[in-house]
Amino acid sequence: MSAKTRARAKEVQAVRRRLIAESRWCMLCRRGGRKANLMCHEIARGPHRQKALDKPYAILVVCETCHRVVHGTLDWPESRQLFRLKLSAPGRYDLDAYNRLVGRGENRITPADVEQWWWT
């Protein structure tokens, strides 16, 4: 781990610990308690991931098992992950802020893109 990455990890640690402490269960499978081994997962990918490390509107709190699953971009695109955030922590959901974070236009991901996952 580079010194820059290590410094960023230390900088965001308090926010990530708070998000985990506030969560009672995995936002995907609803497994809870200490046995769930909850952790933060950044919805943003690639070069935007580092920017998302301390942004509550861009982080899911998931168990270790779901964390491995959610990395699959085909089954868990950003819009689906944002929908789970909206369901599990509506106060943290902010699609406009997320789109600004990852760039490429304010309508990169639309509300309709997020709502299409209602059936899952």
Protein backbone atom coordinates (compact mmCIF):
# COMPACT_ATOMS: atom_id res chain seq x y z
CA MET A 1 0.00 0.00 0.00
CA SER A 2 1.40 3.36 -0.99
CA ALA A 3 1.85 6.17 1.52
CA LYS A 4 -0.85 8.16 -0.28
CA THR A 5 -3.34 5.27 -0.09
CA ARG A 6 -2.50 4.64 3.56
CA ALA A 7 -3.05 8.33 4.38
CA ARG A 8 -6.41 8.31 2.56
CA ALA A 9 -7.50 5.17 4.43
CA LYS A 10 -6.70 6.83 7.75
CA GLU A 11 -8.54 9.99 6.69
CA VAL A 12 -11.79 8.15 5.88
CA GLN A 13 -11.69 5.65 8.75
CA ALA A 14 -14.02 7.57 11.08
CA VAL A 15 -16.78 7.94 8.46
CA ARG A 16 -16.62 4.27 7.52
CA ARG A 17 -16.67 3.10 11.14
CA ARG A 18 -19.68 5.32 11.81
CA LEU A 19 -21.57 3.88 8.84
CA ILE A 20 -20.90 0.34 10.02
CA ALA A 21 -21.87 1.20 13.61
CA GLU A 22 -25.15 2.74 12.45
CA SER A 23 -26.03 -0.32 10.38
CA ARG A 24 -27.68 -3.27 12.05
CA TRP A 25 -27.59 -5.58 9.06
CA CYS A 26 -26.22 -6.14 5.58
CA MET A 27 -27.98 -3.93 3.04
CA LEU A 28 -28.21 -6.86 0.62
CA CYS A 29 -29.04 -10.04 2.53
CA ARG A 30 -30.18 -8.48 5.85
CA ARG A 31 -27.80 -10.67 7.86
CA GLY A 32 -26.96 -8.82 11.04
CA GLY A 33 -25.03 -8.79 14.25
CA ARG A 34 -21.35 -9.31 14.89
CA LYS A 35 -21.31 -12.59 12.98
CA ALA A 36 -22.21 -10.76 9.78
CA ASN A 37 -18.77 -9.07 9.69
CA LEU A 38 -20.14 -5.87 8.16
CA MET A 39 -17.91 -3.74 5.94
CA CYS A 40 -18.16 -0.79 3.58
CA HIS A 41 -18.42 -1.25 -0.17
CA GLU A 42 -17.98 1.69 -2.54
CA ILE A 43 -20.59 1.79 -5.29
CA ALA A 44 -18.36 3.94 -7.51
CA ARG A 45 -15.88 1.98 -9.56
CA GLY A 46 -12.48 2.48 -11.11
CA PRO A 47 -10.88 5.88 -10.69
CA HIS A 48 -13.91 7.18 -8.77
CA ARG A 49 -13.60 4.61 -5.98
CA GLN A 50 -11.01 6.65 -4.03
CA LYS A 51 -13.29 9.69 -4.12
CA ALA A 52 -16.17 7.59 -2.75
CA LEU A 53 -14.38 6.20 0.31
CA ASP A 54 -15.98 8.71 2.70
CA LYS A 55 -19.19 9.60 0.86
CA PRO A 56 -22.22 8.04 2.63
CA TYR A 57 -24.31 8.40 -0.56
CA ALA A 58 -21.80 6.17 -2.39
CA ILE A 59 -21.30 3.39 0.18
CA LEU A 60 -23.20 0.21 0.97
CA VAL A 61 -22.69 -1.58 4.27
CA VAL A 62 -22.58 -5.28 3.45
CA CYS A 63 -21.54 -8.57 5.01
CA GLU A 64 -18.41 -10.37 3.89
CA THR A 65 -20.35 -12.84 1.72
CA CYS A 66 -22.34 -10.15 -0.09
CA HIS A 67 -19.22 -8.04 -0.54
CA ARG A 68 -17.75 -10.80 -2.69
CA VAL A 69 -20.96 -11.07 -4.72
CA VAL A 70 -21.59 -7.37 -5.30
CA HIS A 71 -18.33 -6.93 -7.21
CA GLY A 72 -19.94 -8.62 -10.22
CA THR A 73 -20.66 -5.67 -12.48
CA LEU A 74 -23.14 -7.60 -14.63
CA ASP A 75 -25.39 -8.69 -11.77
CA TRP A 76 -24.83 -5.62 -9.56
CA PRO A 77 -24.49 -2.49 -11.70
CA GLU A 78 -24.23 0.87 -9.96
CA SER A 79 -27.95 1.56 -10.45
CA ARG A 80 -28.91 -1.64 -8.60
CA GLN A 81 -26.53 -0.85 -5.75
CA LEU A 82 -27.95 2.67 -5.52
CA PHE A 83 -31.45 1.19 -5.31
CA ARG A 84 -30.40 -0.97 -2.36
CA LEU A 85 -28.94 2.11 -0.67
CA LYS A 86 -32.22 3.96 -1.28
CA LEU A 87 -34.21 1.13 0.32
CA SER A 88 -31.88 0.52 3.26
CA ALA A 89 -30.75 4.05 4.09
CA PRO A 90 -33.02 6.57 2.36
CA GLY A 91 -31.49 9.47 4.29
CA ARG A 92 -28.10 8.76 2.69
CA TYR A 93 -29.41 8.29 -0.85
CA ASP A 94 -28.52 11.23 -3.11
CA LEU A 95 -28.46 10.41 -6.81
CA ASP A 96 -27.50 13.94 -7.85
CA ALA A 97 -24.48 13.94 -5.53
CA TYR A 98 -23.49 10.47 -6.75
CA ASN A 99 -23.67 11.56 -10.40
CA ARG A 100 -21.54 14.62 -9.61
CA LEU A 101 -19.00 12.40 -7.84
CA VAL A 102 -18.53 10.04 -10.77
CA GLY A 103 -18.95 12.70 -13.45
CA ARG A 104 -20.03 12.18 -17.05
CA GLY A 105 -23.22 14.26 -16.74
CA GLU A 106 -26.00 14.78 -14.25
CA ASN A 107 -28.13 12.12 -15.93
CA ARG A 108 -25.45 9.44 -16.11
CA ILE A 109 -27.70 7.35 -13.87
CA THR A 110 -31.32 8.44 -13.90
CA PRO A 111 -34.03 7.86 -11.27
CA ALA A 112 -35.63 5.43 -13.73
CA ASP A 113 -32.37 3.45 -13.91
CA VAL A 114 -32.47 3.09 -10.12
CA GLU A 115 -36.20 2.33 -9.83
CA GLN A 116 -36.04 -0.46 -12.40
CA TRP A 117 -34.59 -2.68 -9.65
CA TRP A 118 -37.77 -2.54 -7.56
CA TRP A 119 -38.61 -6.15 -8.40
CA THR A 120 -35.28 -7.54 -7.14
